[in-house]
Amino acid sequence: QVQLVESGGGLVQPGGSLRLSCTTSGFTFAFYSMYWYRQSPGDEREMVAKITWDGKTTYADSVKGRFTISRDNAKNTLVLEMKNLKHEDTSVYFCNTFIETKDYWGQGTQVTVSS
């Protein structure tokens, strides 16, 4: 079955960096677009970044120039590099893909930006 497992979250000071990873299994990773979303308590889940099967990327305006999404098809892994983190980046970050009309989500990883 499809599995997505996020890792790499934690506590970081404003201006710091974190690298999130999403290890996947159960599907042909290289064939599908992959997404990072985030959700804070009381807020709707928002898309942070997207990467297509052929490497095209899209970012939310709030993270452009600070976050970089990438994929390693040999390792079936999705990565989100986050730099110059801000308080408002504090959230639970989720890995996502959409396969044959169904959304798949990981369990999420907490990112907290605080001094």
N, C-alpha and C. Protein backbone atom coordinates (compact mmCIF):
# COMPACT_ATOMS: atom_id res chain seq x y z
N GLN A 1 0.83 -1.18 0.00
CA GLN A 1 0.00 0.00 0.00
C GLN A 1 0.88 1.25 0.00
N VAL A 2 0.26 2.36 -0.41
CA VAL A 2 1.00 3.62 -0.47
C VAL A 2 1.31 4.10 0.94
N GLN A 3 2.57 4.43 1.15
CA GLN A 3 2.99 4.98 2.43
C GLN A 3 3.87 6.19 2.22
N LEU A 4 3.62 7.21 3.02
CA LEU A 4 4.41 8.44 3.01
C LEU A 4 4.83 8.71 4.45
N VAL A 5 6.11 8.89 4.68
CA VAL A 5 6.61 9.09 6.04
C VAL A 5 7.51 10.31 6.06
N GLU A 6 7.06 11.35 6.75
CA GLU A 6 7.83 12.59 6.87
C GLU A 6 8.80 12.52 8.04
N SER A 7 9.89 13.25 7.91
CA SER A 7 10.85 13.38 8.99
C SER A 7 11.60 14.69 8.83
N GLY A 8 12.31 15.07 9.88
CA GLY A 8 13.16 16.25 9.80
C GLY A 8 12.64 17.49 10.48
N GLY A 9 11.43 17.44 11.00
CA GLY A 9 10.91 18.61 11.69
C GLY A 9 11.62 18.85 13.01
N GLY A 10 11.32 19.97 13.64
CA GLY A 10 11.92 20.28 14.92
C GLY A 10 11.76 21.73 15.27
N LEU A 11 12.52 22.14 16.29
CA LEU A 11 12.51 23.51 16.77
C LEU A 11 13.70 24.26 16.19
N VAL A 12 13.46 25.41 15.63
CA VAL A 12 14.52 26.21 15.02
C VAL A 12 14.27 27.68 15.30
N GLN A 13 15.34 28.44 15.42
CA GLN A 13 15.22 29.88 15.66
C GLN A 13 14.85 30.60 14.36
N PRO A 14 14.22 31.74 14.47
CA PRO A 14 13.95 32.55 13.27
C PRO A 14 15.24 32.80 12.50
N GLY A 15 15.15 32.67 11.18
CA GLY A 15 16.32 32.81 10.34
C GLY A 15 17.06 31.51 10.11
N GLY A 16 16.69 30.48 10.83
CA GLY A 16 17.36 29.19 10.70
C GLY A 16 16.85 28.37 9.53
N SER A 17 17.38 27.16 9.45
CA SER A 17 17.06 26.27 8.34
C SER A 17 16.67 24.88 8.85
N LEU A 18 15.86 24.20 8.05
CA LEU A 18 15.52 22.81 8.30
C LEU A 18 15.37 22.10 6.97
N ARG A 19 15.58 20.79 7.01
CA ARG A 19 15.41 19.96 5.82
C ARG A 19 14.42 18.85 6.15
N LEU A 20 13.30 18.88 5.49
CA LEU A 20 12.28 17.84 5.67
C LEU A 20 12.44 16.79 4.57
N SER A 21 12.19 15.53 4.96
CA SER A 21 12.21 14.44 3.99
C SER A 21 10.90 13.67 4.06
N CYS A 22 10.53 13.09 2.95
CA CYS A 22 9.36 12.22 2.89
C CYS A 22 9.78 10.96 2.14
N THR A 23 9.86 9.87 2.87
CA THR A 23 10.19 8.60 2.23
C THR A 23 8.90 7.91 1.83
N THR A 24 8.89 7.35 0.64
CA THR A 24 7.66 6.79 0.10
C THR A 24 7.83 5.33 -0.30
N SER A 25 6.71 4.64 -0.38
CA SER A 25 6.70 3.26 -0.85
C SER A 25 5.30 2.91 -1.32
N GLY A 26 5.22 1.83 -2.06
CA GLY A 26 3.91 1.32 -2.48
C GLY A 26 3.40 1.86 -3.80
N PHE A 27 4.18 2.70 -4.46
CA PHE A 27 3.78 3.21 -5.77
C PHE A 27 5.04 3.61 -6.54
N THR A 28 4.88 3.86 -7.82
CA THR A 28 6.02 4.23 -8.65
C THR A 28 6.25 5.73 -8.51
N PHE A 29 7.09 6.07 -7.56
CA PHE A 29 7.33 7.46 -7.16
C PHE A 29 7.61 8.37 -8.35
N ALA A 30 8.42 7.91 -9.28
CA ALA A 30 8.88 8.76 -10.38
C ALA A 30 7.74 9.20 -11.30
N PHE A 31 6.61 8.54 -11.23
CA PHE A 31 5.52 8.83 -12.16
C PHE A 31 4.60 9.95 -11.69
N TYR A 32 4.72 10.36 -10.43
CA TYR A 32 3.68 11.22 -9.84
C TYR A 32 4.21 12.54 -9.34
N SER A 33 3.34 13.57 -9.46
CA SER A 33 3.63 14.83 -8.81
C SER A 33 3.56 14.63 -7.30
N MET A 34 4.38 15.39 -6.61
CA MET A 34 4.45 15.31 -5.14
C MET A 34 4.28 16.71 -4.57
N TYR A 35 3.74 16.77 -3.38
CA TYR A 35 3.40 18.04 -2.75
C TYR A 35 3.85 18.07 -1.29
N TRP A 36 4.16 19.27 -0.83
CA TRP A 36 4.26 19.56 0.60
C TRP A 36 3.13 20.52 0.96
N TYR A 37 2.42 20.17 2.00
CA TYR A 37 1.37 21.02 2.57
C TYR A 37 1.75 21.32 4.01
N ARG A 38 1.08 22.31 4.58
CA ARG A 38 1.22 22.56 6.01
C ARG A 38 -0.13 22.99 6.58
N GLN A 39 -0.27 22.75 7.87
CA GLN A 39 -1.52 23.10 8.55
C GLN A 39 -1.23 23.45 9.99
N SER A 40 -1.74 24.62 10.37
CA SER A 40 -1.65 25.07 11.76
C SER A 40 -3.02 24.94 12.40
N PRO A 41 -3.07 24.83 13.74
CA PRO A 41 -4.36 24.69 14.43
C PRO A 41 -5.31 25.81 14.05
N GLY A 42 -6.52 25.44 13.67
CA GLY A 42 -7.54 26.43 13.33
C GLY A 42 -7.46 26.93 11.90
N ASP A 43 -6.42 26.52 11.18
CA ASP A 43 -6.26 26.96 9.79
C ASP A 43 -6.53 25.81 8.83
N GLU A 44 -6.82 26.18 7.59
CA GLU A 44 -6.94 25.16 6.56
C GLU A 44 -5.56 24.70 6.11
N ARG A 45 -5.53 23.48 5.61
CA ARG A 45 -4.27 22.98 5.08
C ARG A 45 -3.94 23.74 3.80
N GLU A 46 -2.71 24.21 3.68
CA GLU A 46 -2.31 24.98 2.51
C GLU A 46 -1.14 24.31 1.80
N MET A 47 -1.15 24.41 0.48
CA MET A 47 -0.05 23.86 -0.29
C MET A 47 1.15 24.78 -0.19
N VAL A 48 2.29 24.19 0.11
CA VAL A 48 3.53 24.94 0.24
C VAL A 48 4.34 24.86 -1.04
N ALA A 49 4.46 23.65 -1.59
CA ALA A 49 5.28 23.44 -2.78
C ALA A 49 4.83 22.19 -3.51
N LYS A 50 5.09 22.21 -4.79
CA LYS A 50 4.73 21.09 -5.65
C LYS A 50 5.90 20.80 -6.59
N ILE A 51 6.11 19.53 -6.88
CA ILE A 51 7.08 19.16 -7.92
C ILE A 51 6.44 18.09 -8.79
N THR A 52 6.47 18.31 -10.10
CA THR A 52 5.87 17.36 -11.02
C THR A 52 6.80 16.18 -11.26
N TRP A 53 6.29 15.21 -11.97
CA TRP A 53 7.09 14.00 -12.23
C TRP A 53 8.38 14.35 -12.99
N ASP A 54 8.30 15.44 -13.81
CA ASP A 54 9.47 15.83 -14.60
C ASP A 54 10.21 17.01 -13.99
N GLY A 55 9.96 17.29 -12.73
CA GLY A 55 10.80 18.24 -12.01
C GLY A 55 10.38 19.69 -12.00
N LYS A 56 9.23 20.00 -12.57
CA LYS A 56 8.77 21.40 -12.53
C LYS A 56 8.25 21.71 -11.12
N THR A 57 8.59 22.90 -10.63
CA THR A 57 8.23 23.26 -9.26
C THR A 57 7.31 24.47 -9.20
N THR A 58 6.50 24.48 -8.15
CA THR A 58 5.59 25.59 -7.86
C THR A 58 5.63 25.82 -6.37
N TYR A 59 5.58 27.11 -5.97
CA TYR A 59 5.65 27.46 -4.55
C TYR A 59 4.53 28.42 -4.17
N ALA A 60 4.10 28.33 -2.92
CA ALA A 60 3.23 29.36 -2.37
C ALA A 60 4.02 30.66 -2.30
N ASP A 61 3.32 31.77 -2.49
CA ASP A 61 4.01 33.06 -2.47
C ASP A 61 4.74 33.29 -1.15
N SER A 62 4.19 32.77 -0.08
CA SER A 62 4.75 33.02 1.25
C SER A 62 6.11 32.36 1.46
N VAL A 63 6.46 31.39 0.61
CA VAL A 63 7.72 30.66 0.81
C VAL A 63 8.68 30.81 -0.37
N LYS A 64 8.26 31.49 -1.42
CA LYS A 64 9.12 31.64 -2.59
C LYS A 64 10.44 32.29 -2.21
N GLY A 65 11.52 31.72 -2.72
CA GLY A 65 12.84 32.24 -2.44
C GLY A 65 13.45 31.75 -1.14
N ARG A 66 12.65 31.07 -0.33
CA ARG A 66 13.15 30.54 0.94
C ARG A 66 13.11 29.01 1.01
N PHE A 67 12.13 28.42 0.34
CA PHE A 67 11.95 26.96 0.36
C PHE A 67 12.30 26.39 -1.01
N THR A 68 12.85 25.19 -1.00
CA THR A 68 13.15 24.48 -2.24
C THR A 68 12.66 23.05 -2.13
N ILE A 69 11.83 22.66 -3.07
CA ILE A 69 11.35 21.27 -3.13
C ILE A 69 12.18 20.52 -4.16
N SER A 70 12.49 19.27 -3.83
CA SER A 70 13.24 18.44 -4.76
C SER A 70 12.83 16.98 -4.56
N ARG A 71 13.26 16.16 -5.51
CA ARG A 71 12.92 14.74 -5.41
C ARG A 71 14.10 13.90 -5.86
N ASP A 72 14.23 12.75 -5.23
CA ASP A 72 15.26 11.78 -5.60
C ASP A 72 14.52 10.51 -6.00
N ASN A 73 14.35 10.34 -7.30
CA ASN A 73 13.56 9.21 -7.78
C ASN A 73 14.24 7.87 -7.51
N ALA A 74 15.56 7.87 -7.42
CA ALA A 74 16.28 6.63 -7.12
C ALA A 74 16.00 6.17 -5.70
N LYS A 75 15.75 7.13 -4.80
CA LYS A 75 15.50 6.80 -3.39
C LYS A 75 14.04 6.92 -3.00
N ASN A 76 13.17 7.25 -3.99
CA ASN A 76 11.74 7.42 -3.71
C ASN A 76 11.50 8.41 -2.58
N THR A 77 12.24 9.51 -2.62
CA THR A 77 12.22 10.47 -1.51
C THR A 77 11.94 11.87 -2.01
N LEU A 78 11.11 12.56 -1.26
CA LEU A 78 10.79 13.97 -1.51
C LEU A 78 11.45 14.79 -0.42
N VAL A 79 11.98 15.95 -0.79
CA VAL A 79 12.70 16.80 0.17
C VAL A 79 12.16 18.22 0.11
N LEU A 80 12.14 18.88 1.26
CA LEU A 80 11.83 20.30 1.32
C LEU A 80 12.93 20.97 2.14
N GLU A 81 13.73 21.78 1.46
CA GLU A 81 14.76 22.58 2.12
C GLU A 81 14.14 23.91 2.49
N MET A 82 14.23 24.28 3.77
CA MET A 82 13.62 25.51 4.25
C MET A 82 14.69 26.40 4.86
N LYS A 83 14.79 27.62 4.36
CA LYS A 83 15.78 28.57 4.85
C LYS A 83 15.10 29.84 5.30
N ASN A 84 15.84 30.63 6.08
CA ASN A 84 15.31 31.91 6.57
C ASN A 84 13.90 31.72 7.14
N LEU A 85 13.79 30.75 8.04
CA LEU A 85 12.48 30.42 8.58
C LEU A 85 11.94 31.55 9.45
N LYS A 86 10.63 31.70 9.40
CA LYS A 86 9.94 32.76 10.13
C LYS A 86 8.95 32.15 11.12
N HIS A 87 8.54 32.95 12.09
CA HIS A 87 7.57 32.47 13.06
C HIS A 87 6.33 31.88 12.36
N GLU A 88 5.91 32.54 11.30
CA GLU A 88 4.68 32.11 10.62
C GLU A 88 4.84 30.81 9.84
N ASP A 89 6.04 30.28 9.76
CA ASP A 89 6.25 28.96 9.14
C ASP A 89 5.95 27.83 10.11
N THR A 90 5.74 28.17 11.37
CA THR A 90 5.42 27.15 12.36
C THR A 90 4.13 26.44 11.96
N SER A 91 4.22 25.11 11.84
CA SER A 91 3.08 24.34 11.36
C SER A 91 3.44 22.87 11.36
N VAL A 92 2.46 22.04 11.09
CA VAL A 92 2.71 20.63 10.79
C VAL A 92 2.80 20.51 9.28
N TYR A 93 3.86 19.89 8.81
CA TYR A 93 4.12 19.76 7.38
C TYR A 93 3.83 18.33 6.94
N PHE A 94 3.09 18.24 5.84
CA PHE A 94 2.63 16.95 5.32
C PHE A 94 3.13 16.75 3.90
N CYS A 95 3.48 15.54 3.61
CA CYS A 95 3.80 15.08 2.27
C CYS A 95 2.51 14.53 1.64
N ASN A 96 2.35 14.76 0.34
CA ASN A 96 1.09 14.35 -0.31
C ASN A 96 1.33 13.93 -1.75
N THR A 97 0.52 12.97 -2.18
CA THR A 97 0.43 12.67 -3.60
C THR A 97 -0.99 12.25 -3.93
N PHE A 98 -1.32 12.29 -5.19
CA PHE A 98 -2.67 11.99 -5.66
C PHE A 98 -2.56 10.91 -6.72
N ILE A 99 -3.11 9.75 -6.44
CA ILE A 99 -2.99 8.60 -7.34
C ILE A 99 -4.38 8.04 -7.62
N GLU A 100 -4.77 8.04 -8.89
CA GLU A 100 -6.03 7.41 -9.33
C GLU A 100 -7.20 7.83 -8.47
N THR A 101 -7.42 9.11 -8.38
CA THR A 101 -8.55 9.76 -7.69
C THR A 101 -8.45 9.73 -6.17
N LYS A 102 -7.36 9.30 -5.62
CA LYS A 102 -7.25 9.25 -4.16
C LYS A 102 -6.05 10.06 -3.68
N ASP A 103 -6.28 10.82 -2.60
CA ASP A 103 -5.22 11.57 -1.94
C ASP A 103 -4.55 10.69 -0.90
N TYR A 104 -3.23 10.77 -0.85
CA TYR A 104 -2.47 10.06 0.18
C TYR A 104 -1.66 11.07 0.97
N TRP A 105 -1.64 10.88 2.29
CA TRP A 105 -0.97 11.80 3.19
C TRP A 105 -0.06 11.03 4.15
N GLY A 106 1.02 11.69 4.52
CA GLY A 106 1.82 11.17 5.60
C GLY A 106 1.22 11.61 6.93
N GLN A 107 1.93 11.27 8.01
CA GLN A 107 1.43 11.60 9.35
C GLN A 107 1.78 13.03 9.76
N GLY A 108 2.69 13.64 9.03
CA GLY A 108 3.08 15.01 9.31
C GLY A 108 4.30 15.09 10.23
N THR A 109 5.00 16.21 10.11
CA THR A 109 6.14 16.49 10.99
C THR A 109 6.03 17.93 11.44
N GLN A 110 6.23 18.15 12.74
CA GLN A 110 6.05 19.48 13.33
C GLN A 110 7.30 20.34 13.11
N VAL A 111 7.07 21.53 12.62
CA VAL A 111 8.12 22.54 12.52
C VAL A 111 7.71 23.72 13.40
N THR A 112 8.60 24.06 14.32
CA THR A 112 8.34 25.18 15.22
C THR A 112 9.47 26.18 15.10
N VAL A 113 9.12 27.40 14.76
CA VAL A 113 10.10 28.47 14.63
C VAL A 113 9.90 29.43 15.80
N SER A 114 10.88 29.43 16.68
CA SER A 114 10.74 30.23 17.89
C SER A 114 12.10 30.57 18.46
N SER A 115 12.19 31.74 19.05
CA SER A 115 13.44 32.12 19.71
C SER A 115 13.37 31.79 21.20
